[in-house]
Amino acid sequence: MTGSEPLVLVVEDEPQMRRFLRACLHSQGYRLVEAGTGAEAMLLATSHNPELVLLDLGLPDEDGVALTRRLREWSRVPIIVISARGREEDKVSALDAGADDYLTKPFGTSELMALMRVALRRAPTGEGIPPTLSFGTLRIDFSRREVTRNGQTVHLTPIEYKLLSLLAQNAGKVLTHRQILKDVWGPAQTNQAHYVRVHMAELRKKIEADPARPRLLITEPGVGYRLRDQPEG
């Protein structure tokens, strides 16, 4: 190792799982620091400035969702929740609190590494949003507020453009219905989940080759939506 490898904060109180994660991360060249409690996690987060956090929800001194909220008060570090809690409500709570993704135990090493690569790739760099983003044949020019597909202009309504822009700027990350409603329609509309479904259906008609089988705008059942940052095919 050269010391330039990404530093990961592992927040997990189960010794066996910590050993597993330690072995996985070291084998892929990551550096790591470990915490077994929420208090330790906050101390390490402030003192080591990790580039990624792997967070278990069931900590002995603090629920992981609450810890996520505390981290989000001052940090935009990517957070991937790894938890035995597989209910939709738990996933939504963690994502609404600010987690970037959610992985249910047990999970495979390859799946974890893929999520970590996406999270690190999309982590804030301080350079702001690029003037254009491309996803396969779809191209978004933010300076011109212009969207093209296969080189042809796609005519979007203001809401559709705002929805696509939000997903594109968070590509690879799951956005909950509540997050989308808050950012696109405003805090007063966070209970109107049908708004998102209706406009997402219209958006898919305009940018997907087959809206019935979307390959770019992916539904996370019961949770929200994700824009695939590397479209299949």
C-alpha atoms as a PDB file:
ATOM      1  CA  MET A   1       0.000   0.000   0.000  1.00  0.00           C
ATOM      2  CA  THR A   2       1.100   3.548  -0.706  1.00  0.00           C
ATOM      3  CA  GLY A   3      -1.068   5.373   1.817  1.00  0.00           C
ATOM      4  CA  SER A   4      -3.167   6.904  -0.963  1.00  0.00           C
ATOM      5  CA  GLU A   5      -5.753   4.127  -0.997  1.00  0.00           C
ATOM      6  CA  PRO A   6      -9.272   5.172   0.124  1.00  0.00           C
ATOM      7  CA  LEU A   7      -9.741   5.179   3.890  1.00  0.00           C
ATOM      8  CA  VAL A   8     -12.902   3.400   5.052  1.00  0.00           C
ATOM      9  CA  LEU A   9     -14.510   3.766   8.475  1.00  0.00           C
ATOM     10  CA  VAL A  10     -16.121   0.463   9.479  1.00  0.00           C
ATOM     11  CA  VAL A  11     -18.774   0.896  12.185  1.00  0.00           C
ATOM     12  CA  GLU A  12     -19.714  -2.595  13.362  1.00  0.00           C
ATOM     13  CA  ASP A  13     -19.998  -4.118  16.835  1.00  0.00           C
ATOM     14  CA  GLU A  14     -19.952  -7.819  15.826  1.00  0.00           C
ATOM     15  CA  PRO A  15     -16.350  -9.131  15.945  1.00  0.00           C
ATOM     16  CA  GLN A  16     -16.997 -11.796  13.306  1.00  0.00           C
ATOM     17  CA  MET A  17     -18.427  -9.301  10.822  1.00  0.00           C
ATOM     18  CA  ARG A  18     -15.579  -6.883  11.513  1.00  0.00           C
ATOM     19  CA  ARG A  19     -13.044  -9.604  10.747  1.00  0.00           C
ATOM     20  CA  PHE A  20     -14.877 -10.401   7.513  1.00  0.00           C
ATOM     21  CA  LEU A  21     -14.974  -6.746   6.435  1.00  0.00           C
ATOM     22  CA  ARG A  22     -11.348  -6.225   7.447  1.00  0.00           C
ATOM     23  CA  ALA A  23     -10.257  -9.139   5.265  1.00  0.00           C
ATOM     24  CA  CYS A  24     -12.394  -7.972   2.331  1.00  0.00           C
ATOM     25  CA  LEU A  25     -11.143  -4.405   2.428  1.00  0.00           C
ATOM     26  CA  HIS A  26      -7.490  -5.262   2.917  1.00  0.00           C
ATOM     27  CA  SER A  27      -7.616  -7.757   0.020  1.00  0.00           C
ATOM     28  CA  GLN A  28      -8.882  -4.964  -2.267  1.00  0.00           C
ATOM     29  CA  GLY A  29      -6.273  -2.432  -1.134  1.00  0.00           C
ATOM     30  CA  TYR A  30      -8.439  -0.260   1.104  1.00  0.00           C
ATOM     31  CA  ARG A  31      -7.215   1.238   4.357  1.00  0.00           C
ATOM     32  CA  LEU A  32      -9.601   1.163   7.299  1.00  0.00           C
ATOM     33  CA  VAL A  33     -10.301   2.298  10.813  1.00  0.00           C
ATOM     34  CA  GLU A  34     -12.828   0.474  12.981  1.00  0.00           C
ATOM     35  CA  ALA A  35     -15.438   1.506  15.525  1.00  0.00           C
ATOM     36  CA  GLY A  36     -17.727  -0.656  17.636  1.00  0.00           C
ATOM     37  CA  THR A  37     -19.999   2.114  18.915  1.00  0.00           C
ATOM     38  CA  GLY A  38     -21.569   5.315  17.698  1.00  0.00           C
ATOM     39  CA  ALA A  39     -19.363   7.364  20.010  1.00  0.00           C
ATOM     40  CA  GLU A  40     -16.204   5.762  18.610  1.00  0.00           C
ATOM     41  CA  ALA A  41     -17.490   6.274  15.082  1.00  0.00           C
ATOM     42  CA  MET A  42     -17.985  10.014  15.584  1.00  0.00           C
ATOM     43  CA  LEU A  43     -14.524  10.353  17.100  1.00  0.00           C
ATOM     44  CA  LEU A  44     -12.875   8.516  14.206  1.00  0.00           C
ATOM     45  CA  ALA A  45     -14.951  10.347  11.603  1.00  0.00           C
ATOM     46  CA  THR A  46     -13.808  13.721  12.905  1.00  0.00           C
ATOM     47  CA  SER A  47     -10.185  12.739  13.499  1.00  0.00           C
ATOM     48  CA  HIS A  48      -9.484  10.603  10.398  1.00  0.00           C
ATOM     49  CA  ASN A  49     -11.767  12.140   7.737  1.00  0.00           C
ATOM     50  CA  PRO A  50     -12.605   8.811   6.031  1.00  0.00           C
ATOM     51  CA  GLU A  51     -13.597   8.702   2.366  1.00  0.00           C
ATOM     52  CA  LEU A  52     -16.347   6.113   2.939  1.00  0.00           C
ATOM     53  CA  VAL A  53     -18.336   4.782   5.908  1.00  0.00           C
ATOM     54  CA  LEU A  54     -19.690   1.236   6.233  1.00  0.00           C
ATOM     55  CA  LEU A  55     -22.297   1.411   8.967  1.00  0.00           C
ATOM     56  CA  ASP A  56     -24.252  -1.227  10.874  1.00  0.00           C
ATOM     57  CA  LEU A  57     -27.579  -0.038  12.276  1.00  0.00           C
ATOM     58  CA  GLY A  58     -27.617  -2.134  15.446  1.00  0.00           C
ATOM     59  CA  LEU A  59     -24.959  -0.420  17.568  1.00  0.00           C
ATOM     60  CA  PRO A  60     -24.889  -0.869  21.363  1.00  0.00           C
ATOM     61  CA  ASP A  61     -25.059   2.838  22.241  1.00  0.00           C
ATOM     62  CA  GLU A  62     -26.887   4.447  19.324  1.00  0.00           C
ATOM     63  CA  ASP A  63     -29.092   3.469  16.421  1.00  0.00           C
ATOM     64  CA  GLY A  64     -27.289   3.710  13.106  1.00  0.00           C
ATOM     65  CA  VAL A  65     -30.011   5.883  11.585  1.00  0.00           C
ATOM     66  CA  ALA A  66     -29.476   8.495  14.302  1.00  0.00           C
ATOM     67  CA  LEU A  67     -25.720   8.294  13.756  1.00  0.00           C
ATOM     68  CA  THR A  68     -26.243   8.836  10.037  1.00  0.00           C
ATOM     69  CA  ARG A  69     -28.206  12.007  10.764  1.00  0.00           C
ATOM     70  CA  ARG A  70     -25.424  13.269  13.056  1.00  0.00           C
ATOM     71  CA  LEU A  71     -22.788  12.620  10.406  1.00  0.00           C
ATOM     72  CA  ARG A  72     -24.874  14.393   7.796  1.00  0.00           C
ATOM     73  CA  GLU A  73     -24.974  17.537   9.934  1.00  0.00           C
ATOM     74  CA  TRP A  74     -21.375  18.256   8.963  1.00  0.00           C
ATOM     75  CA  SER A  75     -20.139  15.669   6.449  1.00  0.00           C
ATOM     76  CA  ARG A  76     -21.024  14.517   2.938  1.00  0.00           C
ATOM     77  CA  VAL A  77     -18.908  11.357   3.190  1.00  0.00           C
ATOM     78  CA  PRO A  78     -20.596   8.429   1.377  1.00  0.00           C
ATOM     79  CA  ILE A  79     -22.362   6.102   3.837  1.00  0.00           C
ATOM     80  CA  ILE A  80     -23.302   2.521   2.985  1.00  0.00           C
ATOM     81  CA  VAL A  81     -25.499   0.820   5.568  1.00  0.00           C
ATOM     82  CA  ILE A  82     -24.852  -2.886   6.107  1.00  0.00           C
ATOM     83  CA  SER A  83     -27.528  -4.395   8.296  1.00  0.00           C
ATOM     84  CA  ALA A  84     -29.486  -7.538   9.055  1.00  0.00           C
ATOM     85  CA  ARG A  85     -32.635  -5.404   9.008  1.00  0.00           C
ATOM     86  CA  GLY A  86     -34.183  -6.066   5.640  1.00  0.00           C
ATOM     87  CA  ARG A  87     -37.565  -4.370   5.972  1.00  0.00           C
ATOM     88  CA  GLU A  88     -38.440  -1.621   3.534  1.00  0.00           C
ATOM     89  CA  GLU A  89     -39.137   0.725   6.455  1.00  0.00           C
ATOM     90  CA  ASP A  90     -35.580   0.309   7.737  1.00  0.00           C
ATOM     91  CA  LYS A  91     -34.104   0.960   4.302  1.00  0.00           C
ATOM     92  CA  VAL A  92     -36.228   4.048   3.771  1.00  0.00           C
ATOM     93  CA  SER A  93     -35.365   5.420   7.237  1.00  0.00           C
ATOM     94  CA  ALA A  94     -31.635   4.998   6.641  1.00  0.00           C
ATOM     95  CA  LEU A  95     -31.744   6.488   3.145  1.00  0.00           C
ATOM     96  CA  ASP A  96     -33.914   9.393   4.267  1.00  0.00           C
ATOM     97  CA  ALA A  97     -31.426  10.068   7.065  1.00  0.00           C
ATOM     98  CA  GLY A  98     -28.697  10.500   4.457  1.00  0.00           C
ATOM     99  CA  ALA A  99     -27.228   7.070   3.717  1.00  0.00           C
ATOM    100  CA  ASP A 100     -26.129   6.572   0.115  1.00  0.00           C
ATOM    101  CA  ASP A 101     -26.985   2.901  -0.120  1.00  0.00           C
ATOM    102  CA  TYR A 102     -28.211  -0.098   1.886  1.00  0.00           C
ATOM    103  CA  LEU A 103     -26.888  -3.636   1.859  1.00  0.00           C
ATOM    104  CA  THR A 104     -28.734  -6.381   3.714  1.00  0.00           C
ATOM    105  CA  LYS A 105     -26.785  -9.104   5.523  1.00  0.00           C
ATOM    106  CA  PRO A 106     -25.770 -11.648   4.421  1.00  0.00           C
ATOM    107  CA  PHE A 107     -24.190 -10.263   1.271  1.00  0.00           C
ATOM    108  CA  GLY A 108     -21.465 -11.183  -1.175  1.00  0.00           C
ATOM    109  CA  THR A 109     -18.060  -9.558  -1.330  1.00  0.00           C
ATOM    110  CA  SER A 110     -18.460  -8.612  -4.986  1.00  0.00           C
ATOM    111  CA  GLU A 111     -21.741  -6.799  -4.292  1.00  0.00           C
ATOM    112  CA  LEU A 112     -20.196  -4.817  -1.441  1.00  0.00           C
ATOM    113  CA  MET A 113     -17.169  -3.851  -3.526  1.00  0.00           C
ATOM    114  CA  ALA A 114     -19.385  -2.734  -6.408  1.00  0.00           C
ATOM    115  CA  LEU A 115     -21.424  -0.468  -4.123  1.00  0.00           C
ATOM    116  CA  MET A 116     -18.244   0.958  -2.623  1.00  0.00           C
ATOM    117  CA  ARG A 117     -16.803   1.750  -6.059  1.00  0.00           C
ATOM    118  CA  VAL A 118     -20.001   3.556  -7.059  1.00  0.00           C
ATOM    119  CA  ALA A 119     -20.112   5.507  -3.784  1.00  0.00           C
ATOM    120  CA  LEU A 120     -16.484   6.592  -4.074  1.00  0.00           C
ATOM    121  CA  ARG A 121     -16.868   7.488  -7.737  1.00  0.00           C
ATOM    122  CA  ARG A 122     -19.827   9.730  -6.960  1.00  0.00           C
ATOM    123  CA  ALA A 123     -18.418  11.234  -3.773  1.00  0.00           C
ATOM    124  CA  PRO A 124     -18.278  15.060  -3.592  1.00  0.00           C
ATOM    125  CA  THR A 125     -14.933  16.385  -4.798  1.00  0.00           C
ATOM    126  CA  GLY A 126     -15.410  20.071  -4.113  1.00  0.00           C
ATOM    127  CA  GLU A 127     -15.321  20.761  -7.834  1.00  0.00           C
ATOM    128  CA  GLY A 128     -19.082  21.180  -8.169  1.00  0.00           C
ATOM    129  CA  ILE A 129     -21.370  19.623 -10.744  1.00  0.00           C
ATOM    130  CA  PRO A 130     -19.869  19.086 -14.217  1.00  0.00           C
ATOM    131  CA  PRO A 131     -21.466  21.234 -16.939  1.00  0.00           C
ATOM    132  CA  THR A 132     -22.579  18.069 -18.746  1.00  0.00           C
ATOM    133  CA  LEU A 133     -23.255  14.466 -17.771  1.00  0.00           C
ATOM    134  CA  SER A 134     -23.681  11.498 -20.100  1.00  0.00           C
ATOM    135  CA  PHE A 135     -25.308   8.125 -19.486  1.00  0.00           C
ATOM    136  CA  GLY A 136     -25.033   5.942 -22.536  1.00  0.00           C
ATOM    137  CA  THR A 137     -26.775   7.839 -25.348  1.00  0.00           C
ATOM    138  CA  LEU A 138     -28.393  10.271 -22.906  1.00  0.00           C
ATOM    139  CA  ARG A 139     -26.649  13.622 -22.420  1.00  0.00           C
ATOM    140  CA  ILE A 140     -27.612  16.415 -20.018  1.00  0.00           C
ATOM    141  CA  ASP A 141     -26.198  19.905 -20.564  1.00  0.00           C
ATOM    142  CA  PHE A 142     -26.859  21.794 -17.336  1.00  0.00           C
ATOM    143  CA  SER A 143     -25.603  25.131 -18.621  1.00  0.00           C
ATOM    144  CA  ARG A 144     -28.142  25.069 -21.460  1.00  0.00           C
ATOM    145  CA  ARG A 145     -30.777  23.053 -19.571  1.00  0.00           C
ATOM    146  CA  GLU A 146     -30.765  20.769 -22.603  1.00  0.00           C
ATOM    147  CA  VAL A 147     -31.263  17.002 -22.760  1.00  0.00           C
ATOM    148  CA  THR A 148     -30.453  14.900 -25.822  1.00  0.00           C
ATOM    149  CA  ARG A 149     -30.798  11.213 -26.615  1.00  0.00           C
ATOM    150  CA  ASN A 150     -28.947   9.735 -29.580  1.00  0.00           C
ATOM    151  CA  GLY A 151     -28.112  13.324 -30.507  1.00  0.00           C
ATOM    152  CA  GLN A 152     -31.779  14.346 -30.685  1.00  0.00           C
ATOM    153  CA  THR A 153     -33.287  16.942 -28.352  1.00  0.00           C
ATOM    154  CA  VAL A 154     -35.593  15.543 -25.686  1.00  0.00           C
ATOM    155  CA  HIS A 155     -38.361  17.973 -24.766  1.00  0.00           C
ATOM    156  CA  LEU A 156     -38.981  17.788 -21.019  1.00  0.00           C
ATOM    157  CA  THR A 157     -41.383  19.697 -18.812  1.00  0.00           C
ATOM    158  CA  PRO A 158     -39.785  21.780 -16.018  1.00  0.00           C
ATOM    159  CA  ILE A 159     -40.683  19.096 -13.456  1.00  0.00           C
ATOM    160  CA  GLU A 160     -39.292  16.294 -15.636  1.00  0.00           C
ATOM    161  CA  TYR A 161     -36.050  18.202 -16.154  1.00  0.00           C
ATOM    162  CA  LYS A 162     -35.725  18.879 -12.427  1.00  0.00           C
ATOM    163  CA  LEU A 163     -36.411  15.216 -11.640  1.00  0.00           C
ATOM    164  CA  LEU A 164     -33.877  13.960 -14.188  1.00  0.00           C
ATOM    165  CA  SER A 165     -31.266  16.481 -13.039  1.00  0.00           C
ATOM    166  CA  LEU A 166     -31.646  15.391  -9.420  1.00  0.00           C
ATOM    167  CA  LEU A 167     -31.240  11.724 -10.296  1.00  0.00           C
ATOM    168  CA  ALA A 168     -28.319  12.433 -12.646  1.00  0.00           C
ATOM    169  CA  GLN A 169     -26.444  14.471 -10.042  1.00  0.00           C
ATOM    170  CA  ASN A 170     -26.861  11.527  -7.646  1.00  0.00           C
ATOM    171  CA  ALA A 171     -26.310   8.793 -10.231  1.00  0.00           C
ATOM    172  CA  GLY A 172     -25.759   5.375  -8.729  1.00  0.00           C
ATOM    173  CA  LYS A 173     -27.379   6.425  -5.454  1.00  0.00           C
ATOM    174  CA  VAL A 174     -30.842   5.390  -4.291  1.00  0.00           C
ATOM    175  CA  LEU A 175     -33.097   8.386  -3.719  1.00  0.00           C
ATOM    176  CA  THR A 176     -36.201   7.767  -1.632  1.00  0.00           C
ATOM    177  CA  HIS A 177     -39.630   9.041  -2.613  1.00  0.00           C
ATOM    178  CA  ARG A 178     -39.409  11.497   0.265  1.00  0.00           C
ATOM    179  CA  GLN A 179     -36.016  12.849  -0.836  1.00  0.00           C
ATOM    180  CA  ILE A 180     -37.228  13.310  -4.405  1.00  0.00           C
ATOM    181  CA  LEU A 181     -40.459  15.005  -3.351  1.00  0.00           C
ATOM    182  CA  LYS A 182     -38.611  17.366  -1.022  1.00  0.00           C
ATOM    183  CA  ASP A 183     -36.043  18.420  -3.643  1.00  0.00           C
ATOM    184  CA  VAL A 184     -38.352  18.586  -6.676  1.00  0.00           C
ATOM    185  CA  TRP A 185     -41.718  19.634  -5.249  1.00  0.00           C
ATOM    186  CA  GLY A 186     -40.765  21.114  -1.873  1.00  0.00           C
ATOM    187  CA  PRO A 187     -41.025  20.089   1.814  1.00  0.00           C
ATOM    188  CA  ALA A 188     -44.807  20.510   1.892  1.00  0.00           C
ATOM    189  CA  GLN A 189     -45.305  17.700  -0.643  1.00  0.00           C
ATOM    190  CA  THR A 190     -43.296  14.879   0.957  1.00  0.00           C
ATOM    191  CA  ASN A 191     -46.358  12.655   1.404  1.00  0.00           C
ATOM    192  CA  GLN A 192     -47.418  12.806  -2.258  1.00  0.00           C
ATOM    193  CA  ALA A 193     -45.564   9.724  -3.526  1.00  0.00           C
ATOM    194  CA  HIS A 194     -47.898   9.418  -6.524  1.00  0.00           C
ATOM    195  CA  TYR A 195     -46.376  12.625  -7.937  1.00  0.00           C
ATOM    196  CA  VAL A 196     -43.077  10.821  -8.387  1.00  0.00           C
ATOM    197  CA  ARG A 197     -44.638   7.713  -9.959  1.00  0.00           C
ATOM    198  CA  VAL A 198     -46.625   9.707 -12.510  1.00  0.00           C
ATOM    199  CA  HIS A 199     -43.747  11.944 -13.605  1.00  0.00           C
ATOM    200  CA  MET A 200     -41.248   9.087 -13.596  1.00  0.00           C
ATOM    201  CA  ALA A 201     -43.501   7.168 -15.979  1.00  0.00           C
ATOM    202  CA  GLU A 202     -43.634  10.174 -18.330  1.00  0.00           C
ATOM    203  CA  LEU A 203     -39.876  10.705 -18.093  1.00  0.00           C
ATOM    204  CA  ARG A 204     -39.214   7.063 -18.971  1.00  0.00           C
ATOM    205  CA  LYS A 205     -41.348   7.407 -22.113  1.00  0.00           C
ATOM    206  CA  LYS A 206     -39.013  10.145 -23.294  1.00  0.00           C
ATOM    207  CA  ILE A 207     -35.562   8.771 -22.427  1.00  0.00           C
ATOM    208  CA  GLU A 208     -35.879   4.974 -22.269  1.00  0.00           C
ATOM    209  CA  ALA A 209     -35.730   2.816 -25.403  1.00  0.00           C
ATOM    210  CA  ASP A 210     -38.364   0.575 -23.798  1.00  0.00           C
ATOM    211  CA  PRO A 211     -40.213   2.375 -20.971  1.00  0.00           C
ATOM    212  CA  ALA A 212     -41.764  -0.903 -19.809  1.00  0.00           C
ATOM    213  CA  ARG A 213     -38.260  -2.316 -19.264  1.00  0.00           C
ATOM    214  CA  PRO A 214     -36.204   0.658 -18.069  1.00  0.00           C
ATOM    215  CA  ARG A 215     -32.433   0.263 -18.198  1.00  0.00           C
ATOM    216  CA  LEU A 216     -31.536   3.726 -16.928  1.00  0.00           C
ATOM    217  CA  LEU A 217     -34.190   4.884 -14.436  1.00  0.00           C
ATOM    218  CA  ILE A 218     -34.374   1.974 -12.017  1.00  0.00           C
ATOM    219  CA  THR A 219     -37.134   1.418  -9.444  1.00  0.00           C
ATOM    220  CA  GLU A 220     -36.069   0.319  -5.964  1.00  0.00           C
ATOM    221  CA  PRO A 221     -39.359  -1.302  -4.843  1.00  0.00           C
ATOM    222  CA  GLY A 222     -40.890   0.334  -1.790  1.00  0.00           C
ATOM    223  CA  VAL A 223     -37.949   2.721  -1.459  1.00  0.00           C
ATOM    224  CA  GLY A 224     -37.475   5.048  -4.422  1.00  0.00           C
ATOM    225  CA  TYR A 225     -35.429   5.345  -7.604  1.00  0.00           C
ATOM    226  CA  ARG A 226     -31.859   5.159  -8.848  1.00  0.00           C
ATOM    227  CA  LEU A 227     -30.335   6.416 -12.076  1.00  0.00           C
ATOM    228  CA  ARG A 228     -27.970   3.722 -13.264  1.00  0.00           C
ATOM    229  CA  ASP A 229     -24.629   5.439 -13.758  1.00  0.00           C
ATOM    230  CA  GLN A 230     -23.431   2.866 -16.279  1.00  0.00           C
ATOM    231  CA  PRO A 231     -26.381   1.798 -18.436  1.00  0.00           C
ATOM    232  CA  GLU A 232     -26.483  -1.825 -19.503  1.00  0.00           C
ATOM    233  CA  GLY A 233     -25.752  -2.549 -23.115  1.00  0.00           C
END
